[in-house]
Amino acid sequence: MEQVGLADWPEGLDFALAVVRDDAVPRFGLRFEACEEDGLGLHFVAIVRTEAGLFALRRGVGAPAPGTQVWCVADGAPTAERIAAFCRAVGIDQSEVTWRAPSETVRNDGAATRPAEG
């Protein structure tokens, strides 16, 4: 895992993938940068590049619940696979994930599709 700058985050559609316990994140040794965005207000962000791809770790000021949000670029990969890949890449157990995005695939055109059932 390598920390990169905010400028490395691509423009386009991204979404909250998961929330991990705050006490899992200090092990990563990341520096969070203050950032303010329309609709999100003030938050602190660290961008990491892993073998599983690029992820943004976000902590909101005054967030309704504790935890560090894990964001990813919408690239068509199923959310469950992306969460598992993130956890493997940063060396945390999936039990440290306190919230998961719904089990759907978000494509880069913004459309969401649910996996086939059965």
PDB file of N, CA and C in Angstrom:
ATOM      1  N   MET A   1       0.846  -1.174   0.000  1.00  0.00           N
ATOM      2  CA  MET A   1       0.000   0.000   0.000  1.00  0.00           C
ATOM      3  C   MET A   1       0.886   1.230   0.000  1.00  0.00           C
ATOM      4  N   GLU A   2       0.508   2.204  -0.812  1.00  0.00           N
ATOM      5  CA  GLU A   2       1.264   3.447  -0.916  1.00  0.00           C
ATOM      6  C   GLU A   2       0.290   4.618  -0.823  1.00  0.00           C
ATOM      7  N   GLN A   3       0.608   5.597   0.012  1.00  0.00           N
ATOM      8  CA  GLN A   3      -0.230   6.785   0.064  1.00  0.00           C
ATOM      9  C   GLN A   3       0.163   7.708  -1.071  1.00  0.00           C
ATOM     10  N   VAL A   4      -0.841   8.252  -1.755  1.00  0.00           N
ATOM     11  CA  VAL A   4      -0.627   9.195  -2.841  1.00  0.00           C
ATOM     12  C   VAL A   4      -1.399  10.467  -2.516  1.00  0.00           C
ATOM     13  N   GLY A   5      -1.187  11.514  -3.303  1.00  0.00           N
ATOM     14  CA  GLY A   5      -1.834  12.796  -3.047  1.00  0.00           C
ATOM     15  C   GLY A   5      -3.275  12.863  -3.524  1.00  0.00           C
ATOM     16  N   LEU A   6      -3.996  13.866  -3.047  1.00  0.00           N
ATOM     17  CA  LEU A   6      -5.391  14.054  -3.442  1.00  0.00           C
ATOM     18  C   LEU A   6      -5.534  14.224  -4.947  1.00  0.00           C
ATOM     19  N   ALA A   7      -4.529  14.797  -5.583  1.00  0.00           N
ATOM     20  CA  ALA A   7      -4.577  15.022  -7.028  1.00  0.00           C
ATOM     21  C   ALA A   7      -4.591  13.708  -7.811  1.00  0.00           C
ATOM     22  N   ASP A   8      -4.202  12.610  -7.183  1.00  0.00           N
ATOM     23  CA  ASP A   8      -4.199  11.312  -7.862  1.00  0.00           C
ATOM     24  C   ASP A   8      -5.586  10.682  -7.945  1.00  0.00           C
ATOM     25  N   TRP A   9      -6.555  11.240  -7.194  1.00  0.00           N
ATOM     26  CA  TRP A   9      -7.917  10.687  -7.249  1.00  0.00           C
ATOM     27  C   TRP A   9      -8.545  11.137  -8.563  1.00  0.00           C
ATOM     28  N   PRO A  10      -9.037  10.210  -9.374  1.00  0.00           N
ATOM     29  CA  PRO A  10      -9.582  10.575 -10.692  1.00  0.00           C
ATOM     30  C   PRO A  10     -10.910  11.313 -10.579  1.00  0.00           C
ATOM     31  N   GLU A  11     -11.143  12.187 -11.534  1.00  0.00           N
ATOM     32  CA  GLU A  11     -12.436  12.868 -11.638  1.00  0.00           C
ATOM     33  C   GLU A  11     -13.458  11.837 -12.105  1.00  0.00           C
ATOM     34  N   GLY A  12     -14.669  11.988 -11.690  1.00  0.00           N
ATOM     35  CA  GLY A  12     -15.708  11.072 -12.158  1.00  0.00           C
ATOM     36  C   GLY A  12     -16.488  10.488 -11.010  1.00  0.00           C
ATOM     37  N   LEU A  13     -17.176   9.426 -11.286  1.00  0.00           N
ATOM     38  CA  LEU A  13     -18.082   8.819 -10.324  1.00  0.00           C
ATOM     39  C   LEU A  13     -17.331   7.962  -9.313  1.00  0.00           C
ATOM     40  N   ASP A  14     -17.582   8.232  -8.051  1.00  0.00           N
ATOM     41  CA  ASP A  14     -17.040   7.387  -6.989  1.00  0.00           C
ATOM     42  C   ASP A  14     -18.138   7.159  -5.971  1.00  0.00           C
ATOM     43  N   PHE A  15     -17.939   6.200  -5.087  1.00  0.00           N
ATOM     44  CA  PHE A  15     -18.987   5.919  -4.114  1.00  0.00           C
ATOM     45  C   PHE A  15     -18.397   5.321  -2.851  1.00  0.00           C
ATOM     46  N   ALA A  16     -19.171   5.448  -1.758  1.00  0.00           N
ATOM     47  CA  ALA A  16     -18.760   4.875  -0.476  1.00  0.00           C
ATOM     48  C   ALA A  16     -18.926   3.361  -0.560  1.00  0.00           C
ATOM     49  N   LEU A  17     -17.834   2.670  -0.346  1.00  0.00           N
ATOM     50  CA  LEU A  17     -17.793   1.222  -0.442  1.00  0.00           C
ATOM     51  C   LEU A  17     -18.069   0.562   0.901  1.00  0.00           C
ATOM     52  N   ALA A  18     -17.455   1.132   1.955  1.00  0.00           N
ATOM     53  CA  ALA A  18     -17.543   0.519   3.280  1.00  0.00           C
ATOM     54  C   ALA A  18     -17.129   1.531   4.333  1.00  0.00           C
ATOM     55  N   VAL A  19     -17.336   1.162   5.585  1.00  0.00           N
ATOM     56  CA  VAL A  19     -16.820   1.913   6.725  1.00  0.00           C
ATOM     57  C   VAL A  19     -16.032   0.925   7.573  1.00  0.00           C
ATOM     58  N   VAL A  20     -14.822   1.322   7.948  1.00  0.00           N
ATOM     59  CA  VAL A  20     -14.006   0.476   8.825  1.00  0.00           C
ATOM     60  C   VAL A  20     -13.839   1.173  10.167  1.00  0.00           C
ATOM     61  N   ARG A  21     -13.622   0.376  11.192  1.00  0.00           N
ATOM     62  CA  ARG A  21     -13.437   0.933  12.535  1.00  0.00           C
ATOM     63  C   ARG A  21     -12.250   1.887  12.524  1.00  0.00           C
ATOM     64  N   ASP A  22     -12.412   3.020  13.211  1.00  0.00           N
ATOM     65  CA  ASP A  22     -11.338   4.013  13.281  1.00  0.00           C
ATOM     66  C   ASP A  22     -10.056   3.441  13.864  1.00  0.00           C
ATOM     67  N   ASP A  23     -10.167   2.519  14.816  1.00  0.00           N
ATOM     68  CA  ASP A  23      -8.947   1.999  15.437  1.00  0.00           C
ATOM     69  C   ASP A  23      -8.171   1.063  14.510  1.00  0.00           C
ATOM     70  N   ALA A  24      -8.751   0.662  13.384  1.00  0.00           N
ATOM     71  CA  ALA A  24      -8.014  -0.151  12.408  1.00  0.00           C
ATOM     72  C   ALA A  24      -7.115   0.724  11.547  1.00  0.00           C
ATOM     73  N   VAL A  25      -7.506   1.975  11.328  1.00  0.00           N
ATOM     74  CA  VAL A  25      -6.803   2.855  10.398  1.00  0.00           C
ATOM     75  C   VAL A  25      -5.441   3.351  10.897  1.00  0.00           C
ATOM     76  N   PRO A  26      -5.240   3.659  12.199  1.00  0.00           N
ATOM     77  CA  PRO A  26      -3.914   4.149  12.621  1.00  0.00           C
ATOM     78  C   PRO A  26      -2.770   3.195  12.284  1.00  0.00           C
ATOM     79  N   ARG A  27      -3.060   1.930  12.181  1.00  0.00           N
ATOM     80  CA  ARG A  27      -2.012   0.968  11.815  1.00  0.00           C
ATOM     81  C   ARG A  27      -1.445   1.246  10.431  1.00  0.00           C
ATOM     82  N   PHE A  28      -2.194   1.953   9.605  1.00  0.00           N
ATOM     83  CA  PHE A  28      -1.750   2.217   8.243  1.00  0.00           C
ATOM     84  C   PHE A  28      -0.688   3.314   8.184  1.00  0.00           C
ATOM     85  N   GLY A  29      -0.602   4.164   9.226  1.00  0.00           N
ATOM     86  CA  GLY A  29       0.374   5.253   9.236  1.00  0.00           C
ATOM     87  C   GLY A  29       0.102   6.313   8.182  1.00  0.00           C
ATOM     88  N   LEU A  30      -1.156   6.648   7.953  1.00  0.00           N
ATOM     89  CA  LEU A  30      -1.519   7.614   6.909  1.00  0.00           C
ATOM     90  C   LEU A  30      -1.601   9.033   7.439  1.00  0.00           C
ATOM     91  N   ARG A  31      -1.408   9.987   6.532  1.00  0.00           N
ATOM     92  CA  ARG A  31      -1.610  11.406   6.825  1.00  0.00           C
ATOM     93  C   ARG A  31      -2.919  11.818   6.144  1.00  0.00           C
ATOM     94  N   PHE A  32      -3.862  12.303   6.924  1.00  0.00           N
ATOM     95  CA  PHE A  32      -5.143  12.750   6.378  1.00  0.00           C
ATOM     96  C   PHE A  32      -5.059  14.247   6.098  1.00  0.00           C
ATOM     97  N   GLU A  33      -5.528  14.654   4.910  1.00  0.00           N
ATOM     98  CA  GLU A  33      -5.525  16.060   4.510  1.00  0.00           C
ATOM     99  C   GLU A  33      -6.939  16.625   4.613  1.00  0.00           C
ATOM    100  N   ALA A  34      -7.045  17.869   5.095  1.00  0.00           N
ATOM    101  CA  ALA A  34      -8.352  18.522   5.172  1.00  0.00           C
ATOM    102  C   ALA A  34      -8.847  18.811   3.761  1.00  0.00           C
ATOM    103  N   CYS A  35     -10.135  18.627   3.575  1.00  0.00           N
ATOM    104  CA  CYS A  35     -10.744  18.812   2.264  1.00  0.00           C
ATOM    105  C   CYS A  35     -12.189  19.252   2.486  1.00  0.00           C
ATOM    106  N   GLU A  36     -12.681  20.142   1.638  1.00  0.00           N
ATOM    107  CA  GLU A  36     -14.083  20.544   1.730  1.00  0.00           C
ATOM    108  C   GLU A  36     -14.703  20.424   0.352  1.00  0.00           C
ATOM    109  N   GLU A  37     -15.824  19.713   0.302  1.00  0.00           N
ATOM    110  CA  GLU A  37     -16.518  19.503  -0.964  1.00  0.00           C
ATOM    111  C   GLU A  37     -17.987  19.835  -0.788  1.00  0.00           C
ATOM    112  N   ASP A  38     -18.599  20.310  -1.870  1.00  0.00           N
ATOM    113  CA  ASP A  38     -20.026  20.579  -1.845  1.00  0.00           C
ATOM    114  C   ASP A  38     -20.778  19.320  -1.455  1.00  0.00           C
ATOM    115  N   GLY A  39     -21.678  19.443  -0.520  1.00  0.00           N
ATOM    116  CA  GLY A  39     -22.497  18.324  -0.102  1.00  0.00           C
ATOM    117  C   GLY A  39     -21.851  17.433   0.949  1.00  0.00           C
ATOM    118  N   LEU A  40     -20.532  17.504   1.095  1.00  0.00           N
ATOM    119  CA  LEU A  40     -19.845  16.671   2.082  1.00  0.00           C
ATOM    120  C   LEU A  40     -19.315  17.488   3.256  1.00  0.00           C
ATOM    121  N   GLY A  41     -19.188  18.776   3.074  1.00  0.00           N
ATOM    122  CA  GLY A  41     -18.636  19.616   4.131  1.00  0.00           C
ATOM    123  C   GLY A  41     -17.163  19.309   4.375  1.00  0.00           C
ATOM    124  N   LEU A  42     -16.685  19.692   5.554  1.00  0.00           N
ATOM    125  CA  LEU A  42     -15.290  19.475   5.903  1.00  0.00           C
ATOM    126  C   LEU A  42     -15.063  18.018   6.276  1.00  0.00           C
ATOM    127  N   HIS A  43     -14.046  17.429   5.678  1.00  0.00           N
ATOM    128  CA  HIS A  43     -13.662  16.073   6.018  1.00  0.00           C
ATOM    129  C   HIS A  43     -12.162  15.927   5.789  1.00  0.00           C
ATOM    130  N   PHE A  44     -11.626  14.821   6.228  1.00  0.00           N
ATOM    131  CA  PHE A  44     -10.195  14.562   6.104  1.00  0.00           C
ATOM    132  C   PHE A  44     -10.030  13.315   5.244  1.00  0.00           C
ATOM    133  N   VAL A  45      -9.102  13.388   4.290  1.00  0.00           N
ATOM    134  CA  VAL A  45      -8.976  12.344   3.279  1.00  0.00           C
ATOM    135  C   VAL A  45      -7.533  11.865   3.159  1.00  0.00           C
ATOM    136  N   ALA A  46      -7.378  10.577   2.963  1.00  0.00           N
ATOM    137  CA  ALA A  46      -6.088   9.976   2.600  1.00  0.00           C
ATOM    138  C   ALA A  46      -6.362   9.061   1.409  1.00  0.00           C
ATOM    139  N   ILE A  47      -5.574   9.209   0.355  1.00  0.00           N
ATOM    140  CA  ILE A  47      -5.723   8.381  -0.840  1.00  0.00           C
ATOM    141  C   ILE A  47      -4.631   7.323  -0.822  1.00  0.00           C
ATOM    142  N   VAL A  48      -5.018   6.069  -1.030  1.00  0.00           N
ATOM    143  CA  VAL A  48      -4.034   4.988  -1.049  1.00  0.00           C
ATOM    144  C   VAL A  48      -4.152   4.189  -2.335  1.00  0.00           C
ATOM    145  N   ARG A  49      -3.010   3.792  -2.837  1.00  0.00           N
ATOM    146  CA  ARG A  49      -2.940   2.911  -4.004  1.00  0.00           C
ATOM    147  C   ARG A  49      -2.523   1.537  -3.501  1.00  0.00           C
ATOM    148  N   THR A  50      -3.312   0.538  -3.835  1.00  0.00           N
ATOM    149  CA  THR A  50      -3.022  -0.833  -3.415  1.00  0.00           C
ATOM    150  C   THR A  50      -3.009  -1.714  -4.656  1.00  0.00           C
ATOM    151  N   GLU A  51      -2.670  -2.973  -4.467  1.00  0.00           N
ATOM    152  CA  GLU A  51      -2.736  -3.911  -5.598  1.00  0.00           C
ATOM    153  C   GLU A  51      -4.172  -4.063  -6.071  1.00  0.00           C
ATOM    154  N   ALA A  52      -5.129  -3.754  -5.203  1.00  0.00           N
ATOM    155  CA  ALA A  52      -6.544  -3.879  -5.542  1.00  0.00           C
ATOM    156  C   ALA A  52      -7.111  -2.610  -6.172  1.00  0.00           C
ATOM    157  N   GLY A  53      -6.311  -1.559  -6.290  1.00  0.00           N
ATOM    158  CA  GLY A  53      -6.779  -0.321  -6.890  1.00  0.00           C
ATOM    159  C   GLY A  53      -6.600   0.875  -5.972  1.00  0.00           C
ATOM    160  N   LEU A  54      -7.232   1.968  -6.361  1.00  0.00           N
ATOM    161  CA  LEU A  54      -7.140   3.229  -5.643  1.00  0.00           C
ATOM    162  C   LEU A  54      -8.331   3.369  -4.705  1.00  0.00           C
ATOM    163  N   PHE A  55      -8.073   3.771  -3.454  1.00  0.00           N
ATOM    164  CA  PHE A  55      -9.138   3.953  -2.469  1.00  0.00           C
ATOM    165  C   PHE A  55      -8.949   5.286  -1.760  1.00  0.00           C
ATOM    166  N   ALA A  56     -10.045   5.921  -1.405  1.00  0.00           N
ATOM    167  CA  ALA A  56     -10.014   7.146  -0.604  1.00  0.00           C
ATOM    168  C   ALA A  56     -10.563   6.801   0.776  1.00  0.00           C
ATOM    169  N   LEU A  57      -9.809   7.137   1.801  1.00  0.00           N
ATOM    170  CA  LEU A  57     -10.272   6.968   3.170  1.00  0.00           C
ATOM    171  C   LEU A  57     -10.710   8.335   3.655  1.00  0.00           C
ATOM    172  N   ARG A  58     -11.955   8.441   4.120  1.00  0.00           N
ATOM    173  CA  ARG A  58     -12.526   9.738   4.493  1.00  0.00           C
ATOM    174  C   ARG A  58     -13.067   9.697   5.918  1.00  0.00           C
ATOM    175  N   ARG A  59     -12.802  10.778   6.626  1.00  0.00           N
ATOM    176  CA  ARG A  59     -13.373  10.974   7.960  1.00  0.00           C
ATOM    177  C   ARG A  59     -14.084  12.315   7.967  1.00  0.00           C
ATOM    178  N   GLY A  60     -15.375  12.273   8.203  1.00  0.00           N
ATOM    179  CA  GLY A  60     -16.160  13.496   8.200  1.00  0.00           C
ATOM    180  C   GLY A  60     -16.155  14.169   9.560  1.00  0.00           C
ATOM    181  N   VAL A  61     -16.148  15.500   9.547  1.00  0.00           N
ATOM    182  CA  VAL A  61     -16.270  16.260  10.785  1.00  0.00           C
ATOM    183  C   VAL A  61     -17.736  16.221  11.189  1.00  0.00           C
ATOM    184  N   GLY A  62     -18.012  15.764  12.388  1.00  0.00           N
ATOM    185  CA  GLY A  62     -19.388  15.666  12.850  1.00  0.00           C
ATOM    186  C   GLY A  62     -20.155  14.524  12.211  1.00  0.00           C
ATOM    187  N   ALA A  63     -19.457  13.489  11.777  1.00  0.00           N
ATOM    188  CA  ALA A  63     -20.126  12.331  11.168  1.00  0.00           C
ATOM    189  C   ALA A  63     -21.103  11.720  12.171  1.00  0.00           C
ATOM    190  N   PRO A  64     -22.231  11.203  11.697  1.00  0.00           N
ATOM    191  CA  PRO A  64     -23.242  10.655  12.600  1.00  0.00           C
ATOM    192  C   PRO A  64     -22.812   9.388  13.330  1.00  0.00           C
ATOM    193  N   ALA A  65     -21.793   8.705  12.819  1.00  0.00           N
ATOM    194  CA  ALA A  65     -21.314   7.472  13.459  1.00  0.00           C
ATOM    195  C   ALA A  65     -19.800   7.403  13.308  1.00  0.00           C
ATOM    196  N   PRO A  66     -19.124   6.772  14.262  1.00  0.00           N
ATOM    197  CA  PRO A  66     -17.673   6.655  14.151  1.00  0.00           C
ATOM    198  C   PRO A  66     -17.278   5.713  13.022  1.00  0.00           C
ATOM    199  N   GLY A  67     -16.100   5.915  12.504  1.00  0.00           N
ATOM    200  CA  GLY A  67     -15.586   5.045  11.452  1.00  0.00           C
ATOM    201  C   GLY A  67     -14.954   5.847  10.340  1.00  0.00           C
ATOM    202  N   THR A  68     -14.152   5.174   9.564  1.00  0.00           N
ATOM    203  CA  THR A  68     -13.496   5.773   8.404  1.00  0.00           C
ATOM    204  C   THR A  68     -14.142   5.194   7.157  1.00  0.00           C
ATOM    205  N   GLN A  69     -14.662   6.070   6.321  1.00  0.00           N
ATOM    206  CA  GLN A  69     -15.298   5.631   5.086  1.00  0.00           C
ATOM    207  C   GLN A  69     -14.227   5.230   4.078  1.00  0.00           C
ATOM    208  N   VAL A  70     -14.498   4.167   3.355  1.00  0.00           N
ATOM    209  CA  VAL A  70     -13.634   3.721   2.260  1.00  0.00           C
ATOM    210  C   VAL A  70     -14.402   3.966   0.976  1.00  0.00           C
ATOM    211  N   TRP A  71     -13.855   4.819   0.111  1.00  0.00           N
ATOM    212  CA  TRP A  71     -14.484   5.141  -1.168  1.00  0.00           C
ATOM    213  C   TRP A  71     -13.667   4.509  -2.286  1.00  0.00           C
ATOM    214  N   CYS A  72     -14.330   4.205  -3.381  1.00  0.00           N
ATOM    215  CA  CYS A  72     -13.623   3.689  -4.548  1.00  0.00           C
ATOM    216  C   CYS A  72     -14.241   4.280  -5.805  1.00  0.00           C
ATOM    217  N   VAL A  73     -13.539   4.127  -6.890  1.00  0.00           N
ATOM    218  CA  VAL A  73     -14.015   4.580  -8.191  1.00  0.00           C
ATOM    219  C   VAL A  73     -14.996   3.537  -8.709  1.00  0.00           C
ATOM    220  N   ALA A  74     -16.097   3.994  -9.268  1.00  0.00           N
ATOM    221  CA  ALA A  74     -17.090   3.086  -9.835  1.00  0.00           C
ATOM    222  C   ALA A  74     -16.546   2.536 -11.147  1.00  0.00           C
ATOM    223  N   ASP A  75     -16.141   1.264 -11.110  1.00  0.00           N
ATOM    224  CA  ASP A  75     -15.518   0.681 -12.301  1.00  0.00           C
ATOM    225  C   ASP A  75     -16.193  -0.609 -12.743  1.00  0.00           C
ATOM    226  N   GLY A  76     -17.331  -0.919 -12.169  1.00  0.00           N
ATOM    227  CA  GLY A  76     -18.056  -2.113 -12.580  1.00  0.00           C
ATOM    228  C   GLY A  76     -17.807  -3.341 -11.731  1.00  0.00           C
ATOM    229  N   ALA A  77     -16.876  -3.265 -10.786  1.00  0.00           N
ATOM    230  CA  ALA A  77     -16.586  -4.431  -9.936  1.00  0.00           C
ATOM    231  C   ALA A  77     -17.665  -4.568  -8.860  1.00  0.00           C
ATOM    232  N   PRO A  78     -18.084  -5.786  -8.560  1.00  0.00           N
ATOM    233  CA  PRO A  78     -19.074  -5.989  -7.490  1.00  0.00           C
ATOM    234  C   PRO A  78     -18.537  -5.482  -6.146  1.00  0.00           C
ATOM    235  N   THR A  79     -19.414  -4.867  -5.370  1.00  0.00           N
ATOM    236  CA  THR A  79     -18.975  -4.255  -4.112  1.00  0.00           C
ATOM    237  C   THR A  79     -18.370  -5.260  -3.144  1.00  0.00           C
ATOM    238  N   ALA A  80     -18.946  -6.450  -3.025  1.00  0.00           N
ATOM    239  CA  ALA A  80     -18.411  -7.444  -2.084  1.00  0.00           C
ATOM    240  C   ALA A  80     -16.977  -7.819  -2.441  1.00  0.00           C
ATOM    241  N   GLU A  81     -16.699  -7.942  -3.729  1.00  0.00           N
ATOM    242  CA  GLU A  81     -15.335  -8.260  -4.172  1.00  0.00           C
ATOM    243  C   GLU A  81     -14.381  -7.112  -3.878  1.00  0.00           C
ATOM    244  N   ARG A  82     -14.851  -5.876  -4.074  1.00  0.00           N
ATOM    245  CA  ARG A  82     -13.993  -4.711  -3.809  1.00  0.00           C
ATOM    246  C   ARG A  82     -13.670  -4.596  -2.321  1.00  0.00           C
ATOM    247  N   ILE A  83     -14.658  -4.860  -1.452  1.00  0.00           N
ATOM    248  CA  ILE A  83     -14.422  -4.800  -0.009  1.00  0.00           C
ATOM    249  C   ILE A  83     -13.400  -5.857   0.396  1.00  0.00           C
ATOM    250  N   ALA A  84     -13.579  -7.067  -0.085  1.00  0.00           N
ATOM    251  CA  ALA A  84     -12.632  -8.148   0.236  1.00  0.00           C
ATOM    252  C   ALA A  84     -11.236  -7.816  -0.265  1.00  0.00           C
ATOM    253  N   ALA A  85     -11.134  -7.270  -1.469  1.00  0.00           N
ATOM    254  CA  ALA A  85      -9.831  -6.913  -2.037  1.00  0.00           C
ATOM    255  C   ALA A  85      -9.172  -5.800  -1.230  1.00  0.00           C
ATOM    256  N   PHE A  86      -9.966  -4.802  -0.791  1.00  0.00           N
ATOM    257  CA  PHE A  86      -9.415  -3.719   0.030  1.00  0.00           C
ATOM    258  C   PHE A  86      -8.862  -4.281   1.334  1.00  0.00           C
ATOM    259  N   CYS A  87      -9.642  -5.111   2.002  1.00  0.00           N
ATOM    260  CA  CYS A  87      -9.205  -5.676   3.284  1.00  0.00           C
ATOM    261  C   CYS A  87      -7.915  -6.489   3.122  1.00  0.00           C
ATOM    262  N   ARG A  88      -7.850  -7.302   2.087  1.00  0.00           N
ATOM    263  CA  ARG A  88      -6.618  -8.079   1.838  1.00  0.00           C
ATOM    264  C   ARG A  88      -5.440  -7.150   1.573  1.00  0.00           C
ATOM    265  N   ALA A  89      -5.662  -6.124   0.766  1.00  0.00           N
ATOM    266  CA  ALA A  89      -4.575  -5.230   0.362  1.00  0.00           C
ATOM    267  C   ALA A  89      -3.991  -4.448   1.537  1.00  0.00           C
ATOM    268  N   VAL A  90      -4.840  -4.073   2.497  1.00  0.00           N
ATOM    269  CA  VAL A  90      -4.348  -3.270   3.626  1.00  0.00           C
ATOM    270  C   VAL A  90      -4.107  -4.109   4.874  1.00  0.00           C
ATOM    271  N   GLY A  91      -4.417  -5.395   4.801  1.00  0.00           N
ATOM    272  CA  GLY A  91      -4.112  -6.289   5.902  1.00  0.00           C
ATOM    273  C   GLY A  91      -5.041  -6.207   7.094  1.00  0.00           C
ATOM    274  N   ILE A  92      -6.327  -5.985   6.829  1.00  0.00           N
ATOM    275  CA  ILE A  92      -7.291  -6.007   7.939  1.00  0.00           C
ATOM    276  C   ILE A  92      -8.288  -7.137   7.703  1.00  0.00           C
ATOM    277  N   ASP A  93      -8.891  -7.585   8.776  1.00  0.00           N
ATOM    278  CA  ASP A  93      -9.907  -8.618   8.705  1.00  0.00           C
ATOM    279  C   ASP A  93     -11.240  -7.968   8.342  1.00  0.00           C
ATOM    280  N   GLN A  94     -12.066  -8.672   7.617  1.00  0.00           N
ATOM    281  CA  GLN A  94     -13.365  -8.105   7.241  1.00  0.00           C
ATOM    282  C   GLN A  94     -14.257  -7.835   8.446  1.00  0.00           C
ATOM    283  N   SER A  95     -13.922  -8.393   9.604  1.00  0.00           N
ATOM    284  CA  SER A  95     -14.704  -8.106  10.814  1.00  0.00           C
ATOM    285  C   SER A  95     -14.528  -6.650  11.255  1.00  0.00           C
ATOM    286  N   GLU A  96     -13.514  -5.962  10.733  1.00  0.00           N
ATOM    287  CA  GLU A  96     -13.300  -4.552  11.069  1.00  0.00           C
ATOM    288  C   GLU A  96     -14.126  -3.620  10.191  1.00  0.00           C
ATOM    289  N   VAL A  97     -14.883  -4.189   9.269  1.00  0.00           N
ATOM    290  CA  VAL A  97     -15.801  -3.423   8.427  1.00  0.00           C
ATOM    291  C   VAL A  97     -17.124  -3.325   9.174  1.00  0.00           C
ATOM    292  N   THR A  98     -17.564  -2.105   9.463  1.00  0.00           N
ATOM    293  CA  THR A  98     -18.789  -1.913  10.249  1.00  0.00           C
ATOM    294  C   THR A  98     -20.013  -1.618   9.384  1.00  0.00           C
ATOM    295  N   TRP A  99     -19.807  -1.272   8.125  1.00  0.00           N
ATOM    296  CA  TRP A  99     -20.899  -1.018   7.178  1.00  0.00           C
ATOM    297  C   TRP A  99     -20.394  -1.363   5.794  1.00  0.00           C
ATOM    298  N   ARG A 100     -21.265  -1.938   4.983  1.00  0.00           N
ATOM    299  CA  ARG A 100     -20.928  -2.303   3.603  1.00  0.00           C
ATOM    300  C   ARG A 100     -21.956  -1.696   2.657  1.00  0.00           C
ATOM    301  N   ALA A 101     -21.498  -1.263   1.497  1.00  0.00           N
ATOM    302  CA  ALA A 101     -22.426  -0.780   0.477  1.00  0.00           C
ATOM    303  C   ALA A 101     -23.324  -1.934   0.053  1.00  0.00           C
ATOM    304  N   PRO A 102     -24.518  -1.637  -0.439  1.00  0.00           N
ATOM    305  CA  PRO A 102     -25.406  -2.706  -0.908  1.00  0.00           C
ATOM    306  C   PRO A 102     -24.703  -3.579  -1.947  1.00  0.00           C
ATOM    307  N   SER A 103     -25.102  -4.816  -2.024  1.00  0.00           N
ATOM    308  CA  SER A 103     -24.486  -5.766  -2.954  1.00  0.00           C
ATOM    309  C   SER A 103     -24.961  -5.509  -4.374  1.00  0.00           C
ATOM    310  N   GLU A 104     -24.369  -4.506  -4.963  1.00  0.00           N
ATOM    311  CA  GLU A 104     -24.656  -4.233  -6.362  1.00  0.00           C
ATOM    312  C   GLU A 104     -23.370  -3.771  -7.018  1.00  0.00           C
ATOM    313  N   THR A 105     -23.380  -3.770  -8.296  1.00  0.00           N
ATOM    314  CA  THR A 105     -22.240  -3.309  -9.064  1.00  0.00           C
ATOM    315  C   THR A 105     -22.548  -1.904  -9.546  1.00  0.00           C
ATOM    316  N   VAL A 106     -21.632  -0.975  -9.346  1.00  0.00           N
ATOM    317  CA  VAL A 106     -21.828   0.379  -9.843  1.00  0.00           C
ATOM    318  C   VAL A 106     -20.906   0.560 -11.038  1.00  0.00           C
ATOM    319  N   ARG A 107     -21.512   0.845 -12.166  1.00  0.00           N
ATOM    320  CA  ARG A 107     -20.736   1.027 -13.386  1.00  0.00           C
ATOM    321  C   ARG A 107     -20.247   2.466 -13.478  1.00  0.00           C
ATOM    322  N   ASN A 108     -19.282   2.714 -14.337  1.00  0.00           N
ATOM    323  CA  ASN A 108     -18.733   4.059 -14.433  1.00  0.00           C
ATOM    324  C   ASN A 108     -19.670   5.046 -15.124  1.00  0.00           C
ATOM    325  N   ASP A 109     -20.826   4.591 -15.608  1.00  0.00           N
ATOM    326  CA  ASP A 109     -21.810   5.520 -16.166  1.00  0.00           C
ATOM    327  C   ASP A 109     -22.849   5.906 -15.120  1.00  0.00           C
ATOM    328  N   GLY A 110     -22.656   5.430 -13.878  1.00  0.00           N
ATOM    329  CA  GLY A 110     -23.538   5.796 -12.786  1.00  0.00           C
ATOM    330  C   GLY A 110     -24.694   4.839 -12.557  1.00  0.00           C
ATOM    331  N   ALA A 111     -24.913   3.915 -13.464  1.00  0.00           N
ATOM    332  CA  ALA A 111     -26.014   2.968 -13.302  1.00  0.00           C
ATOM    333  C   ALA A 111     -25.627   1.876 -12.317  1.00  0.00           C
ATOM    334  N   ALA A 112     -26.585   1.414 -11.580  1.00  0.00           N
ATOM    335  CA  ALA A 112     -26.343   0.321 -10.629  1.00  0.00           C
ATOM    336  C   ALA A 112     -27.129  -0.898 -11.091  1.00  0.00           C
ATOM    337  N   THR A 113     -26.511  -2.047 -10.960  1.00  0.00           N
ATOM    338  CA  THR A 113     -27.196  -3.297 -11.293  1.00  0.00           C
ATOM    339  C   THR A 113     -27.050  -4.248 -10.120  1.00  0.00           C
ATOM    340  N   ARG A 114     -28.105  -4.962  -9.814  1.00  0.00           N
ATOM    341  CA  ARG A 114     -28.053  -5.958  -8.768  1.00  0.00           C
ATOM    342  C   ARG A 114     -27.581  -7.270  -9.382  1.00  0.00           C
ATOM    343  N   PRO A 115     -26.833  -8.065  -8.610  1.00  0.00           N
ATOM    344  CA  PRO A 115     -26.404  -9.362  -9.141  1.00  0.00           C
ATOM    345  C   PRO A 115     -27.599 -10.274  -9.394  1.00  0.00           C
ATOM    346  N   ALA A 116     -27.453 -11.159 -10.346  1.00  0.00           N
ATOM    347  CA  ALA A 116     -28.521 -12.115 -10.646  1.00  0.00           C
ATOM    348  C   ALA A 116     -28.754 -13.002  -9.449  1.00  0.00           C
ATOM    349  N   GLU A 117     -29.999 -13.289  -9.157  1.00  0.00           N
ATOM    350  CA  GLU A 117     -30.315 -14.165  -8.028  1.00  0.00           C
ATOM    351  C   GLU A 117     -30.500 -15.583  -8.527  1.00  0.00           C
ATOM    352  N   GLY A 118     -30.161 -16.522  -7.642  1.00  0.00           N
ATOM    353  CA  GLY A 118     -30.407 -17.899  -7.975  1.00  0.00           C
ATOM    354  C   GLY A 118     -29.218 -18.676  -8.301  1.00  0.00           C
TER     355      GLY A 118
END
